Amino acid sequence: MGSASYGYINKCTEDGRKYVALKEPEASNMRWAFNEIAKGKYATNQIRLKMNKMEGAKISSTSFTGQ
């Protein structure tokens, strides 16, 4: 299993099954970002930069947009 995306964490059940779960507060940060993008007031990259500044995160544009 590769590295989980920002807002998620790789976990394993007691019987060894792997799964991806939400990781807080990062998951809430991503919900905020998606809601801001949906409003259409700022460009996606502006939201990413604002989130990085507010939360001390270092999310690249590629990781943020998946492109």
Protein backbone atom coordinates (compact mmCIF):
# COMPACT_ATOMS: atom_id res chain seq x y z
CA MET A 1 0.00 0.00 0.00
CA GLY A 2 1.44 3.36 -1.02
CA SER A 3 1.48 6.54 0.96
CA ALA A 4 -1.98 7.88 1.78
CA SER A 5 -3.02 11.26 0.42
CA TYR A 6 -3.21 14.33 2.66
CA GLY A 7 -6.22 13.96 4.94
CA TYR A 8 -6.01 10.17 5.03
CA ILE A 9 -3.94 7.56 6.85
CA ASN A 10 -3.15 3.95 6.01
CA LYS A 11 -4.41 1.55 8.67
CA CYS A 12 -4.58 -2.16 9.24
CA THR A 13 -7.28 -4.25 10.94
CA GLU A 14 -6.39 -6.81 13.61
CA ASP A 15 -6.64 -9.56 10.99
CA GLY A 16 -4.18 -7.74 8.69
CA ARG A 17 -6.55 -6.17 6.16
CA LYS A 18 -5.33 -2.78 5.01
CA TYR A 19 -7.60 0.23 4.55
CA VAL A 20 -7.47 4.00 4.27
CA ALA A 21 -9.14 6.13 6.98
CA LEU A 22 -9.70 9.83 7.51
CA LYS A 23 -6.98 11.64 9.44
CA GLU A 24 -7.94 14.71 11.44
CA PRO A 25 -7.41 17.66 11.38
CA GLU A 26 -6.13 17.24 7.82
CA ALA A 27 -9.42 15.78 6.54
CA SER A 28 -11.31 18.81 7.83
CA ASN A 29 -8.77 21.07 6.16
CA MET A 30 -9.43 19.37 2.82
CA ARG A 31 -13.22 19.69 3.29
CA TRP A 32 -12.70 23.41 3.88
CA ALA A 33 -10.55 23.68 0.74
CA PHE A 34 -13.08 21.85 -1.45
CA ASN A 35 -15.88 24.06 -0.14
CA GLU A 36 -13.83 27.17 -0.92
CA ILE A 37 -13.07 25.93 -4.43
CA ALA A 38 -16.78 25.20 -4.97
CA LYS A 39 -17.63 28.82 -4.14
CA GLY A 40 -15.59 29.86 -7.18
CA LYS A 41 -14.23 33.01 -5.58
CA TYR A 42 -10.55 32.00 -5.70
CA ALA A 43 -8.45 29.84 -7.99
CA THR A 44 -7.59 26.34 -6.81
CA ASN A 45 -3.93 27.22 -6.34
CA GLN A 46 -4.85 30.27 -4.24
CA ILE A 47 -6.87 28.01 -1.92
CA ARG A 48 -3.96 25.54 -1.70
CA LEU A 49 -1.52 28.31 -0.80
CA LYS A 50 -3.92 29.76 1.78
CA MET A 51 -4.41 26.33 3.36
CA ASN A 52 -0.66 25.72 3.46
CA LYS A 53 -0.16 29.06 5.19
CA MET A 54 -2.99 28.61 7.70
CA GLU A 55 -2.21 25.02 8.63
CA GLY A 56 1.54 24.93 8.15
CA ALA A 57 1.05 22.22 5.54
CA LYS A 58 3.26 21.76 2.52
CA ILE A 59 0.93 20.36 -0.10
CA SER A 60 2.28 20.61 -3.62
CA SER A 61 0.03 21.69 -6.45
CA THR A 62 0.34 18.19 -7.97
CA SER A 63 -0.76 16.52 -4.73
CA PHE A 64 -3.57 19.00 -4.27
CA THR A 65 -5.09 18.74 -7.74
CA GLY A 66 -3.94 15.26 -8.73
CA GLN A 67 -2.58 16.58 -12.03
